PDB file of N, CA and C in Angstrom:
ATOM      1  N   MET A   1      14.972  -2.387  23.043  1.00  0.00           N
ATOM      2  CA  MET A   1      15.512  -3.056  22.220  1.00  0.00           C
ATOM      3  C   MET A   1      15.945  -1.599  20.820  1.00  0.00           C
ATOM      4  N   ARG A   2      16.556  -2.222  19.891  1.00  0.00           N
ATOM      5  CA  ARG A   2      16.806  -1.217  19.075  1.00  0.00           C
ATOM      6  C   ARG A   2      15.407  -1.348  17.713  1.00  0.00           C
ATOM      7  N   GLN A   3      15.257  -0.411  17.305  1.00  0.00           N
ATOM      8  CA  GLN A   3      14.023  -1.217  15.939  1.00  0.00           C
ATOM      9  C   GLN A   3      14.667  -1.461  14.689  1.00  0.00           C
ATOM     10  N   GLY A   4      16.174  -0.934  14.362  1.00  0.00           N
ATOM     11  CA  GLY A   4      16.503  -2.065  13.314  1.00  0.00           C
ATOM     12  C   GLY A   4      16.890  -3.959  13.589  1.00  0.00           C
ATOM     13  N   ALA A   5      16.906  -3.459  14.813  1.00  0.00           N
ATOM     14  CA  ALA A   5      16.841  -5.386  15.773  1.00  0.00           C
ATOM     15  C   ALA A   5      15.781  -6.115  15.225  1.00  0.00           C
ATOM     16  N   ARG A   6      14.396  -4.941  15.497  1.00  0.00           N
ATOM     17  CA  ARG A   6      13.506  -5.278  15.298  1.00  0.00           C
ATOM     18  C   ARG A   6      13.073  -6.025  14.295  1.00  0.00           C
ATOM     19  N   LEU A   7      12.793  -5.153  13.424  1.00  0.00           N
ATOM     20  CA  LEU A   7      12.412  -5.048  11.632  1.00  0.00           C
ATOM     21  C   LEU A   7      12.124  -6.415  11.018  1.00  0.00           C
ATOM     22  N   PRO A   8      13.809  -7.556  11.505  1.00  0.00           N
ATOM     23  CA  PRO A   8      13.505  -8.900  10.719  1.00  0.00           C
ATOM     24  C   PRO A   8      12.103  -9.700  11.552  1.00  0.00           C
ATOM     25  N   GLN A   9      11.662  -9.353  12.358  1.00  0.00           N
ATOM     26  CA  GLN A   9      10.470 -10.095  13.139  1.00  0.00           C
ATOM     27  C   GLN A   9       9.065  -9.095  12.458  1.00  0.00           C
ATOM     28  N   LEU A  10       8.843  -8.105  11.827  1.00  0.00           N
ATOM     29  CA  LEU A  10       7.929  -7.304  11.374  1.00  0.00           C
ATOM     30  C   LEU A  10       7.975  -7.983  10.138  1.00  0.00           C
ATOM     31  N   VAL A  11       8.484  -8.387   9.074  1.00  0.00           N
ATOM     32  CA  VAL A  11       8.765  -9.255   7.996  1.00  0.00           C
ATOM     33  C   VAL A  11       7.623 -10.529   7.727  1.00  0.00           C
ATOM     34  N   PRO A  12       7.278 -11.032   8.105  1.00  0.00           N
ATOM     35  CA  PRO A  12       5.700 -11.603   8.571  1.00  0.00           C
ATOM     36  C   PRO A  12       4.350 -11.178   8.125  1.00  0.00           C
ATOM     37  N   ALA A  13       4.170  -9.772   9.739  1.00  0.00           N
ATOM     38  CA  ALA A  13       2.667  -9.119   9.121  1.00  0.00           C
ATOM     39  C   ALA A  13       3.592  -8.262   8.266  1.00  0.00           C
ATOM     40  N   LEU A  14       4.396  -7.306   8.073  1.00  0.00           N
ATOM     41  CA  LEU A  14       4.082  -6.588   6.905  1.00  0.00           C
ATOM     42  C   LEU A  14       3.730  -7.196   5.730  1.00  0.00           C
ATOM     43  N   ALA A  15       4.123  -8.817   4.916  1.00  0.00           N
ATOM     44  CA  ALA A  15       4.002  -9.517   4.602  1.00  0.00           C
ATOM     45  C   ALA A  15       2.148  -9.801   4.152  1.00  0.00           C
ATOM     46  N   ALA A  16       1.732 -10.046   5.509  1.00  0.00           N
ATOM     47  CA  ALA A  16      -0.202 -10.095   5.239  1.00  0.00           C
ATOM     48  C   ALA A  16      -0.630  -9.153   5.375  1.00  0.00           C
ATOM     49  N   VAL A  17       0.001  -7.153   5.978  1.00  0.00           N
ATOM     50  CA  VAL A  17      -0.675  -6.104   5.110  1.00  0.00           C
ATOM     51  C   VAL A  17      -0.482  -6.158   3.846  1.00  0.00           C
ATOM     52  N   ALA A  18       0.890  -6.380   2.768  1.00  0.00           N
ATOM     53  CA  ALA A  18       0.951  -6.767   1.591  1.00  0.00           C
ATOM     54  C   ALA A  18      -0.025  -7.562   1.086  1.00  0.00           C
ATOM     55  N   ALA A  19      -0.452  -7.647   1.282  1.00  0.00           N
ATOM     56  CA  ALA A  19      -1.396  -9.274   0.622  1.00  0.00           C
ATOM     57  C   ALA A  19      -2.611  -9.030   0.662  1.00  0.00           C
ATOM     58  N   VAL A  20      -2.776  -8.882   1.777  1.00  0.00           N
ATOM     59  CA  VAL A  20      -4.223  -7.640   1.900  1.00  0.00           C
ATOM     60  C   VAL A  20      -5.051  -6.903   1.301  1.00  0.00           C
ATOM     61  N   ARG A  21      -3.145  -5.614   0.749  1.00  0.00           N
ATOM     62  CA  ARG A  21      -3.285  -4.473  -0.253  1.00  0.00           C
ATOM     63  C   ARG A  21      -3.697  -4.786  -1.349  1.00  0.00           C
ATOM     64  N   THR A  22      -3.079  -5.957  -1.752  1.00  0.00           N
ATOM     65  CA  THR A  22      -2.827  -6.604  -2.910  1.00  0.00           C
ATOM     66  C   THR A  22      -3.949  -7.403  -3.190  1.00  0.00           C
ATOM     67  N   ALA A  23      -4.505  -7.917  -2.847  1.00  0.00           N
ATOM     68  CA  ALA A  23      -6.149  -8.242  -2.960  1.00  0.00           C
ATOM     69  C   ALA A  23      -7.539  -7.250  -3.158  1.00  0.00           C
ATOM     70  N   HIS A  24      -7.292  -6.368  -2.771  1.00  0.00           N
ATOM     71  CA  HIS A  24      -7.777  -4.992  -2.706  1.00  0.00           C
ATOM     72  C   HIS A  24      -7.602  -4.408  -4.024  1.00  0.00           C
ATOM     73  N   ALA A  25      -6.455  -4.606  -4.671  1.00  0.00           N
ATOM     74  CA  ALA A  25      -5.859  -3.840  -5.892  1.00  0.00           C
ATOM     75  C   ALA A  25      -6.627  -4.203  -7.014  1.00  0.00           C
ATOM     76  N   PRO A  26      -6.808  -5.035  -7.647  1.00  0.00           N
ATOM     77  CA  PRO A  26      -7.524  -5.940  -8.511  1.00  0.00           C
ATOM     78  C   PRO A  26      -9.054  -5.120  -8.218  1.00  0.00           C
ATOM     79  N   ALA A  27     -10.247  -5.689  -7.028  1.00  0.00           N
ATOM     80  CA  ALA A  27     -11.180  -4.932  -7.154  1.00  0.00           C
ATOM     81  C   ALA A  27     -11.379  -3.478  -7.060  1.00  0.00           C
ATOM     82  N   LEU A  28     -10.492  -2.968  -6.618  1.00  0.00           N
ATOM     83  CA  LEU A  28     -10.900  -1.194  -6.817  1.00  0.00           C
ATOM     84  C   LEU A  28     -10.364  -1.105  -8.354  1.00  0.00           C
ATOM     85  N   SER A  29      -9.566  -1.221  -8.802  1.00  0.00           N
ATOM     86  CA  SER A  29      -9.779  -0.993 -10.419  1.00  0.00           C
ATOM     87  C   SER A  29     -10.669  -1.119 -10.822  1.00  0.00           C
ATOM     88  N   ASP A  30     -10.978  -2.459 -10.837  1.00  0.00           N
ATOM     89  CA  ASP A  30     -12.672  -3.203 -11.942  1.00  0.00           C
ATOM     90  C   ASP A  30     -13.096  -2.335 -11.524  1.00  0.00           C
ATOM     91  N   GLU A  31     -13.965  -1.907 -10.080  1.00  0.00           N
ATOM     92  CA  GLU A  31     -14.663  -0.951 -10.232  1.00  0.00           C
ATOM     93  C   GLU A  31     -14.341   0.410 -10.817  1.00  0.00           C
ATOM     94  N   LEU A  32     -13.082   0.788 -11.089  1.00  0.00           N
ATOM     95  CA  LEU A  32     -13.720   2.044 -11.654  1.00  0.00           C
ATOM     96  C   LEU A  32     -13.107   2.121 -12.512  1.00  0.00           C
ATOM     97  N   THR A  33     -12.613   1.173 -13.678  1.00  0.00           N
ATOM     98  CA  THR A  33     -12.512   0.395 -14.934  1.00  0.00           C
ATOM     99  C   THR A  33     -14.579   0.114 -15.254  1.00  0.00           C
ATOM    100  N   ARG A  34     -15.217   0.094 -14.177  1.00  0.00           N
ATOM    101  CA  ARG A  34     -16.906  -0.671 -14.605  1.00  0.00           C
ATOM    102  C   ARG A  34     -17.618   1.094 -14.723  1.00  0.00           C
ATOM    103  N   ILE A  35     -16.493   2.196 -13.220  1.00  0.00           N
ATOM    104  CA  ILE A  35     -17.302   3.293 -13.711  1.00  0.00           C
ATOM    105  C   ILE A  35     -17.251   4.811 -14.755  1.00  0.00           C
ATOM    106  N   GLY A  36     -16.355   3.950 -15.092  1.00  0.00           N
ATOM    107  CA  GLY A  36     -16.102   4.954 -16.316  1.00  0.00           C
ATOM    108  C   GLY A  36     -14.884   6.009 -16.347  1.00  0.00           C
ATOM    109  N   GLY A  37     -13.685   5.175 -15.206  1.00  0.00           N
ATOM    110  CA  GLY A  37     -13.153   5.824 -14.858  1.00  0.00           C
ATOM    111  C   GLY A  37     -11.229   5.249 -15.420  1.00  0.00           C
ATOM    112  N   THR A  38      -9.744   5.479 -15.479  1.00  0.00           N
ATOM    113  CA  THR A  38      -8.998   5.092 -15.908  1.00  0.00           C
ATOM    114  C   THR A  38      -8.624   4.882 -14.326  1.00  0.00           C
ATOM    115  N   PRO A  39      -8.119   3.502 -14.383  1.00  0.00           N
ATOM    116  CA  PRO A  39      -7.606   2.726 -13.271  1.00  0.00           C
ATOM    117  C   PRO A  39      -5.930   3.130 -13.289  1.00  0.00           C
ATOM    118  N   PRO A  40      -4.823   3.360 -12.031  1.00  0.00           N
ATOM    119  CA  PRO A  40      -3.443   3.718 -12.256  1.00  0.00           C
ATOM    120  C   PRO A  40      -2.901   2.557 -13.463  1.00  0.00           C
ATOM    121  N   THR A  41      -2.230   2.879 -14.573  1.00  0.00           N
ATOM    122  CA  THR A  41      -1.470   2.278 -14.728  1.00  0.00           C
ATOM    123  C   THR A  41      -0.669   0.987 -12.883  1.00  0.00           C
ATOM    124  N   THR A  42      -0.018   0.223 -13.685  1.00  0.00           N
ATOM    125  CA  THR A  42       1.479  -0.271 -12.935  1.00  0.00           C
ATOM    126  C   THR A  42       1.511  -1.098 -13.752  1.00  0.00           C
ATOM    127  N   PRO A  43       3.444  -1.868 -13.636  1.00  0.00           N
ATOM    128  CA  PRO A  43       4.166  -1.996 -15.125  1.00  0.00           C
ATOM    129  C   PRO A  43       3.864  -3.070 -14.596  1.00  0.00           C
ATOM    130  N   SER A  44       4.269  -4.091 -15.274  1.00  0.00           N
ATOM    131  CA  SER A  44       4.287  -5.120 -14.980  1.00  0.00           C
ATOM    132  C   SER A  44       5.588  -5.568 -15.605  1.00  0.00           C
ATOM    133  N   SER A  45       5.432  -7.346 -14.828  1.00  0.00           N
ATOM    134  CA  SER A  45       7.002  -8.081 -14.929  1.00  0.00           C
ATOM    135  C   SER A  45       8.021  -7.729 -16.399  1.00  0.00           C
ATOM    136  N   THR A  46       7.421  -6.812 -17.331  1.00  0.00           N
ATOM    137  CA  THR A  46       7.698  -7.581 -18.402  1.00  0.00           C
ATOM    138  C   THR A  46       8.325  -6.095 -19.622  1.00  0.00           C
ATOM    139  N   THR A  47       7.717  -5.326 -18.570  1.00  0.00           N
ATOM    140  CA  THR A  47       8.065  -3.462 -19.181  1.00  0.00           C
ATOM    141  C   THR A  47       8.851  -3.321 -18.328  1.00  0.00           C
ATOM    142  N   GLU A  48       9.683  -2.026 -18.906  1.00  0.00           N
ATOM    143  CA  GLU A  48      10.785  -1.558 -18.379  1.00  0.00           C
ATOM    144  C   GLU A  48       9.853  -0.129 -17.332  1.00  0.00           C
ATOM    145  N   THR A  49      10.156  -0.635 -16.355  1.00  0.00           N
ATOM    146  CA  THR A  49       9.317   0.365 -15.393  1.00  0.00           C
ATOM    147  C   THR A  49      10.814   1.606 -14.664  1.00  0.00           C
ATOM    148  N   SER A  50      12.107   2.063 -15.067  1.00  0.00           N
ATOM    149  CA  SER A  50      12.841   3.465 -15.189  1.00  0.00           C
ATOM    150  C   SER A  50      12.986   4.115 -15.608  1.00  0.00           C
ATOM    151  N   ALA A  51      12.302   5.079 -14.968  1.00  0.00           N
ATOM    152  CA  ALA A  51      12.167   6.210 -15.810  1.00  0.00           C
ATOM    153  C   ALA A  51      13.725   7.187 -15.910  1.00  0.00           C
ATOM    154  N   THR A  52      14.858   6.424 -15.229  1.00  0.00           N
ATOM    155  CA  THR A  52      16.204   6.949 -15.346  1.00  0.00           C
ATOM    156  C   THR A  52      16.320   6.829 -16.885  1.00  0.00           C
ATOM    157  N   PRO A  53      17.742   7.810 -17.248  1.00  0.00           N
ATOM    158  CA  PRO A  53      17.974   7.371 -18.486  1.00  0.00           C
ATOM    159  C   PRO A  53      19.160   6.420 -18.225  1.00  0.00           C
ATOM    160  N   PRO A  54      19.351   5.282 -19.345  1.00  0.00           N
ATOM    161  CA  PRO A  54      20.732   4.510 -19.108  1.00  0.00           C
ATOM    162  C   PRO A  54      21.644   4.456 -18.416  1.00  0.00           C
ATOM    163  N   ALA A  55      22.162   4.030 -17.456  1.00  0.00           N
ATOM    164  CA  ALA A  55      23.557   4.553 -16.965  1.00  0.00           C
ATOM    165  C   ALA A  55      24.847   4.276 -17.123  1.00  0.00           C
ATOM    166  N   THR A  56      25.475   5.291 -16.916  1.00  0.00           N
ATOM    167  CA  THR A  56      26.750   5.836 -17.875  1.00  0.00           C
ATOM    168  C   THR A  56      27.515   4.383 -17.788  1.00  0.00           C
ATOM    169  N   PRO A  57      28.628   4.469 -18.486  1.00  0.00           N
ATOM    170  CA  PRO A  57      29.034   3.412 -18.113  1.00  0.00           C
ATOM    171  C   PRO A  57      30.230   4.093 -17.651  1.00  0.00           C
ATOM    172  N   GLY A  58      30.488   3.643 -16.400  1.00  0.00           N
ATOM    173  CA  GLY A  58      31.953   3.654 -14.921  1.00  0.00           C
ATOM    174  C   GLY A  58      31.214   4.982 -13.963  1.00  0.00           C
ATOM    175  N   ALA A  59      29.606   4.928 -14.736  1.00  0.00           N
ATOM    176  CA  ALA A  59      28.669   5.781 -13.647  1.00  0.00           C
ATOM    177  C   ALA A  59      28.820   4.922 -12.258  1.00  0.00           C
ATOM    178  N   THR A  60      29.121   5.583 -10.836  1.00  0.00           N
ATOM    179  CA  THR A  60      28.469   5.201  -9.413  1.00  0.00           C
ATOM    180  C   THR A  60      26.561   4.853  -9.439  1.00  0.00           C
ATOM    181  N   PRO A  61      25.779   3.956  -9.517  1.00  0.00           N
ATOM    182  CA  PRO A  61      24.392   3.539  -9.370  1.00  0.00           C
ATOM    183  C   PRO A  61      23.775   4.761  -8.365  1.00  0.00           C
ATOM    184  N   ALA A  62      23.017   4.930  -7.992  1.00  0.00           N
ATOM    185  CA  ALA A  62      22.555   5.697  -6.989  1.00  0.00           C
ATOM    186  C   ALA A  62      21.603   4.885  -6.297  1.00  0.00           C
ATOM    187  N   PRO A  63      21.427   5.166  -5.095  1.00  0.00           N
ATOM    188  CA  PRO A  63      21.518   4.071  -3.744  1.00  0.00           C
ATOM    189  C   PRO A  63      20.324   3.922  -3.962  1.00  0.00           C
ATOM    190  N   ALA A  64      19.450   2.804  -3.512  1.00  0.00           N
ATOM    191  CA  ALA A  64      17.803   2.715  -3.751  1.00  0.00           C
ATOM    192  C   ALA A  64      17.452   3.062  -2.627  1.00  0.00           C
ATOM    193  N   PRO A  65      16.213   3.514  -2.915  1.00  0.00           N
ATOM    194  CA  PRO A  65      15.563   4.694  -1.198  1.00  0.00           C
ATOM    195  C   PRO A  65      15.217   3.545  -0.751  1.00  0.00           C
ATOM    196  N   ALA A  66      16.198   4.133   0.616  1.00  0.00           N
ATOM    197  CA  ALA A  66      15.326   3.245   2.830  1.00  0.00           C
ATOM    198  C   ALA A  66      13.771   2.604   1.794  1.00  0.00           C
ATOM    199  N   PRO A  67      14.116   1.650   2.822  1.00  0.00           N
ATOM    200  CA  PRO A  67      11.804   1.277   2.485  1.00  0.00           C
ATOM    201  C   PRO A  67      11.538   2.297   4.037  1.00  0.00           C
ATOM    202  N   PRO A  68      10.385   2.177   3.729  1.00  0.00           N
ATOM    203  CA  PRO A  68       9.749   3.139   5.560  1.00  0.00           C
ATOM    204  C   PRO A  68      10.102   2.418   6.391  1.00  0.00           C
ATOM    205  N   THR A  69       9.906   3.438   7.067  1.00  0.00           N
ATOM    206  CA  THR A  69       9.665   2.827   8.878  1.00  0.00           C
ATOM    207  C   THR A  69       8.403   2.081   9.104  1.00  0.00           C
ATOM    208  N   PRO A  70       9.064   1.380  10.444  1.00  0.00           N
ATOM    209  CA  PRO A  70       7.429   0.836  10.870  1.00  0.00           C
ATOM    210  C   PRO A  70       6.438   1.615  10.813  1.00  0.00           C
ATOM    211  N   GLN A  71       6.842   2.952  11.853  1.00  0.00           N
ATOM    212  CA  GLN A  71       6.135   4.180  11.866  1.00  0.00           C
ATOM    213  C   GLN A  71       5.216   4.576  10.623  1.00  0.00           C
ATOM    214  N   GLU A  72       5.796   4.973   9.570  1.00  0.00           N
ATOM    215  CA  GLU A  72       5.089   5.396   8.342  1.00  0.00           C
ATOM    216  C   GLU A  72       4.577   4.389   7.279  1.00  0.00           C
ATOM    217  N   VAL A  73       4.220   3.143   7.961  1.00  0.00           N
ATOM    218  CA  VAL A  73       3.842   2.285   7.109  1.00  0.00           C
ATOM    219  C   VAL A  73       2.429   2.041   7.757  1.00  0.00           C
ATOM    220  N   VAL A  74       2.370   1.967   9.356  1.00  0.00           N
ATOM    221  CA  VAL A  74       1.424   2.548  10.494  1.00  0.00           C
ATOM    222  C   VAL A  74       0.392   3.863   9.742  1.00  0.00           C
ATOM    223  N   ALA A  75       1.264   4.874   9.795  1.00  0.00           N
ATOM    224  CA  ALA A  75       0.918   6.309   8.992  1.00  0.00           C
ATOM    225  C   ALA A  75       0.097   5.887   7.499  1.00  0.00           C
ATOM    226  N   ALA A  76       0.718   5.850   6.993  1.00  0.00           N
ATOM    227  CA  ALA A  76       0.152   5.424   5.549  1.00  0.00           C
ATOM    228  C   ALA A  76      -1.436   4.568   5.743  1.00  0.00           C
ATOM    229  N   LEU A  77      -1.399   4.245   6.605  1.00  0.00           N
ATOM    230  CA  LEU A  77      -2.445   3.329   6.548  1.00  0.00           C
ATOM    231  C   LEU A  77      -3.636   4.278   7.708  1.00  0.00           C
ATOM    232  N   GLU A  78      -3.136   4.562   8.044  1.00  0.00           N
ATOM    233  CA  GLU A  78      -4.434   4.906   8.954  1.00  0.00           C
ATOM    234  C   GLU A  78      -4.881   6.364   7.792  1.00  0.00           C
ATOM    235  N   HIS A  79      -3.632   6.795   6.800  1.00  0.00           N
ATOM    236  CA  HIS A  79      -4.599   7.875   5.708  1.00  0.00           C
ATOM    237  C   HIS A  79      -5.270   7.192   5.041  1.00  0.00           C
ATOM    238  N   SER A  80      -4.748   5.598   4.861  1.00  0.00           N
ATOM    239  CA  SER A  80      -5.402   4.622   3.430  1.00  0.00           C
ATOM    240  C   SER A  80      -6.969   4.986   3.962  1.00  0.00           C
ATOM    241  N   ALA A  81      -6.989   4.273   5.558  1.00  0.00           N
ATOM    242  CA  ALA A  81      -7.982   3.939   6.493  1.00  0.00           C
ATOM    243  C   ALA A  81      -9.331   5.238   6.197  1.00  0.00           C
ATOM    244  N   ASP A  82      -8.488   6.224   6.287  1.00  0.00           N
ATOM    245  CA  ASP A  82      -9.295   7.600   6.898  1.00  0.00           C
ATOM    246  C   ASP A  82     -10.017   7.725   5.287  1.00  0.00           C
ATOM    247  N   SER A  83      -8.499   8.154   4.379  1.00  0.00           N
ATOM    248  CA  SER A  83      -9.370   7.949   2.561  1.00  0.00           C
ATOM    249  C   SER A  83     -10.770   6.634   2.815  1.00  0.00           C
ATOM    250  N   ALA A  84     -10.545   6.226   2.866  1.00  0.00           N
ATOM    251  CA  ALA A  84     -11.630   4.712   1.889  1.00  0.00           C
ATOM    252  C   ALA A  84     -13.094   5.743   2.947  1.00  0.00           C
ATOM    253  N   GLY A  85     -12.684   5.376   4.441  1.00  0.00           N
ATOM    254  CA  GLY A  85     -13.870   5.483   4.888  1.00  0.00           C
ATOM    255  C   GLY A  85     -14.410   6.994   3.877  1.00  0.00           C
ATOM    256  N   ARG A  86     -14.122   8.211   4.620  1.00  0.00           N
ATOM    257  CA  ARG A  86     -14.740   9.074   4.282  1.00  0.00           C
ATOM    258  C   ARG A  86     -15.186   9.005   2.865  1.00  0.00           C
ATOM    259  N   ALA A  87     -14.328   8.342   1.683  1.00  0.00           N
ATOM    260  CA  ALA A  87     -15.294   7.641   0.071  1.00  0.00           C
ATOM    261  C   ALA A  87     -16.167   7.511   0.298  1.00  0.00           C
ATOM    262  N   ALA A  88     -15.943   5.680   1.309  1.00  0.00           N
ATOM    263  CA  ALA A  88     -17.572   5.292   1.370  1.00  0.00           C
ATOM    264  C   ALA A  88     -18.369   6.000   1.718  1.00  0.00           C
ATOM    265  N   ALA A  89     -18.356   6.777   2.829  1.00  0.00           N
ATOM    266  CA  ALA A  89     -19.489   7.995   3.200  1.00  0.00           C
ATOM    267  C   ALA A  89     -20.713   8.015   1.777  1.00  0.00           C
ATOM    268  N   GLY A  90     -19.614   8.085   1.111  1.00  0.00           N
ATOM    269  CA  GLY A  90     -20.527   9.146  -0.226  1.00  0.00           C
ATOM    270  C   GLY A  90     -21.273   8.209  -1.009  1.00  0.00           C
ATOM    271  N   GLN A  91     -20.618   6.881  -1.124  1.00  0.00           N
ATOM    272  CA  GLN A  91     -20.813   5.971  -1.908  1.00  0.00           C
ATOM    273  C   GLN A  91     -22.417   4.799  -1.930  1.00  0.00           C
ATOM    274  N   SER A  92     -23.377   3.978  -3.046  1.00  0.00           N
ATOM    275  CA  SER A  92     -24.199   3.362  -1.507  1.00  0.00           C
ATOM    276  C   SER A  92     -23.768   1.896  -2.381  1.00  0.00           C
ATOM    277  N   GLY A  93     -24.331   0.905  -2.014  1.00  0.00           N
ATOM    278  CA  GLY A  93     -24.188  -0.568  -2.529  1.00  0.00           C
ATOM    279  C   GLY A  93     -22.374  -0.942  -3.035  1.00  0.00           C
ATOM    280  N   TYR A  94     -22.347  -1.572  -4.369  1.00  0.00           N
ATOM    281  CA  TYR A  94     -20.729  -2.879  -4.462  1.00  0.00           C
ATOM    282  C   TYR A  94     -19.932  -1.375  -3.614  1.00  0.00           C
ATOM    283  N   ARG A  95     -20.228  -0.230  -3.794  1.00  0.00           N
ATOM    284  CA  ARG A  95     -19.245   0.842  -4.453  1.00  0.00           C
ATOM    285  C   ARG A  95     -18.195   0.857  -2.642  1.00  0.00           C
ATOM    286  N   ALA A  96     -19.979   0.769  -2.137  1.00  0.00           N
ATOM    287  CA  ALA A  96     -19.735   1.515  -0.936  1.00  0.00           C
ATOM    288  C   ALA A  96     -18.854   0.876   0.337  1.00  0.00           C
ATOM    289  N   GLY A  97     -19.342  -0.766  -0.334  1.00  0.00           N
ATOM    290  CA  GLY A  97     -19.169  -2.146   0.738  1.00  0.00           C
ATOM    291  C   GLY A  97     -17.162  -2.280   0.553  1.00  0.00           C
ATOM    292  N   LEU A  98     -17.158  -1.701  -1.266  1.00  0.00           N
ATOM    293  CA  LEU A  98     -15.479  -1.904  -1.687  1.00  0.00           C
ATOM    294  C   LEU A  98     -14.801  -1.624  -0.478  1.00  0.00           C
ATOM    295  N   LEU A  99     -15.546   0.077   0.068  1.00  0.00           N
ATOM    296  CA  LEU A  99     -14.961   1.004   0.186  1.00  0.00           C
ATOM    297  C   LEU A  99     -14.725   1.134   1.312  1.00  0.00           C
ATOM    298  N   ALA A 100     -15.600   0.764   2.010  1.00  0.00           N
ATOM    299  CA  ALA A 100     -15.738   0.378   3.282  1.00  0.00           C
ATOM    300  C   ALA A 100     -14.762  -1.191   4.255  1.00  0.00           C
ATOM    301  N   SER A 101     -15.283  -1.745   2.975  1.00  0.00           N
ATOM    302  CA  SER A 101     -13.777  -3.138   2.984  1.00  0.00           C
ATOM    303  C   SER A 101     -11.934  -2.597   3.645  1.00  0.00           C
ATOM    304  N   ILE A 102     -12.327  -1.455   1.808  1.00  0.00           N
ATOM    305  CA  ILE A 102     -10.792  -0.947   2.149  1.00  0.00           C
ATOM    306  C   ILE A 102     -10.242   0.015   3.662  1.00  0.00           C
ATOM    307  N   SER A 103     -11.071   0.625   4.042  1.00  0.00           N
ATOM    308  CA  SER A 103     -11.258   0.547   4.614  1.00  0.00           C
ATOM    309  C   SER A 103     -10.574  -0.029   6.531  1.00  0.00           C
ATOM    310  N   ALA A 104     -11.899  -0.721   6.212  1.00  0.00           N
ATOM    311  CA  ALA A 104     -12.161  -1.533   7.749  1.00  0.00           C
ATOM    312  C   ALA A 104     -10.500  -2.477   7.589  1.00  0.00           C
ATOM    313  N   ALA A 105      -9.789  -2.793   6.498  1.00  0.00           N
ATOM    314  CA  ALA A 105      -9.181  -3.581   6.332  1.00  0.00           C
ATOM    315  C   ALA A 105      -7.368  -3.154   6.693  1.00  0.00           C
ATOM    316  N   CYS A 106      -7.744  -1.904   5.998  1.00  0.00           N
ATOM    317  CA  CYS A 106      -6.052  -0.622   7.040  1.00  0.00           C
ATOM    318  C   CYS A 106      -6.220  -0.002   8.090  1.00  0.00           C
ATOM    319  N   THR A 107      -7.513  -0.953   9.085  1.00  0.00           N
ATOM    320  CA  THR A 107      -7.983   0.103   9.720  1.00  0.00           C
ATOM    321  C   THR A 107      -7.231  -1.726  10.723  1.00  0.00           C
ATOM    322  N   ALA A 108      -7.439  -2.334  10.664  1.00  0.00           N
ATOM    323  CA  ALA A 108      -7.521  -4.023  11.086  1.00  0.00           C
ATOM    324  C   ALA A 108      -5.745  -3.660  10.535  1.00  0.00           C
ATOM    325  N   ALA A 109      -4.967  -3.531   9.901  1.00  0.00           N
ATOM    326  CA  ALA A 109      -4.046  -3.802   9.935  1.00  0.00           C
ATOM    327  C   ALA A 109      -3.053  -2.497  10.621  1.00  0.00           C
ATOM    328  N   HIS A 110      -3.125  -1.127  10.966  1.00  0.00           N
ATOM    329  CA  HIS A 110      -2.536  -0.733  11.708  1.00  0.00           C
ATOM    330  C   HIS A 110      -2.521  -1.389  13.713  1.00  0.00           C
ATOM    331  N   THR A 111      -4.122  -1.314  13.606  1.00  0.00           N
ATOM    332  CA  THR A 111      -4.262  -1.331  15.042  1.00  0.00           C
ATOM    333  C   THR A 111      -4.053  -2.622  15.657  1.00  0.00           C
ATOM    334  N   VAL A 112      -4.152  -3.431  14.238  1.00  0.00           N
ATOM    335  CA  VAL A 112      -3.688  -5.325  14.934  1.00  0.00           C
ATOM    336  C   VAL A 112      -2.345  -5.794  15.001  1.00  0.00           C
ATOM    337  N   THR A 113      -2.283  -5.800  13.217  1.00  0.00           N
ATOM    338  CA  THR A 113      -1.526  -6.488  12.879  1.00  0.00           C
ATOM    339  C   THR A 113       0.207  -5.640  12.735  1.00  0.00           C
ATOM    340  N   LEU A 114       0.208  -4.282  12.825  1.00  0.00           N
ATOM    341  CA  LEU A 114       1.579  -3.987  13.578  1.00  0.00           C
ATOM    342  C   LEU A 114       1.588  -2.876  14.927  1.00  0.00           C
ATOM    343  N   ALA A 115      -0.056  -3.908  15.299  1.00  0.00           N
ATOM    344  CA  ALA A 115       0.269  -3.416  16.967  1.00  0.00           C
ATOM    345  C   ALA A 115       1.684  -2.798  17.799  1.00  0.00           C
ATOM    346  N   GLY A 116       1.772  -1.700  17.760  1.00  0.00           N
ATOM    347  CA  GLY A 116       2.164  -1.517  18.927  1.00  0.00           C
ATOM    348  C   GLY A 116       3.522  -0.849  18.171  1.00  0.00           C
ATOM    349  N   GLN A 117       3.847  -0.697  17.258  1.00  0.00           N
ATOM    350  CA  GLN A 117       4.851  -0.136  15.678  1.00  0.00           C
ATOM    351  C   GLN A 117       4.951   1.412  15.735  1.00  0.00           C
ATOM    352  N   ALA A 118       3.840   2.056  16.429  1.00  0.00           N
ATOM    353  CA  ALA A 118       4.400   2.892  15.566  1.00  0.00           C
ATOM    354  C   ALA A 118       4.270   3.909  17.548  1.00  0.00           C
ATOM    355  N   PRO A 119       5.165   4.858  17.839  1.00  0.00           N
ATOM    356  CA  PRO A 119       4.557   5.720  18.502  1.00  0.00           C
ATOM    357  C   PRO A 119       3.319   5.899  19.216  1.00  0.00           C
TER     358      PRO A 119
END
């Protein structure tokens, strides 16, 4: 089966992964704020998110970037799991638990939810 033919079947799995990652984002942002760091800013639906100048009339717009392949998603989740796990090892209490939870969720996402999607 070609990979392109399999992509629609991945939509529910990718949506589940996105939901879990989205759920962790505010907890991580809140913890960064609590410890005095500045969480990364995320564009709101009312803010202009384009860093490119306005389009010139008659100009052809640049094509949208290609979405990541399933293999790239799995690799990113593996990297995130490893990074969060290493960070958790150096923490204690709530912070260690939050980072361990993120690591576990990323591991589950790439080993269970997206199992068999990367070579």
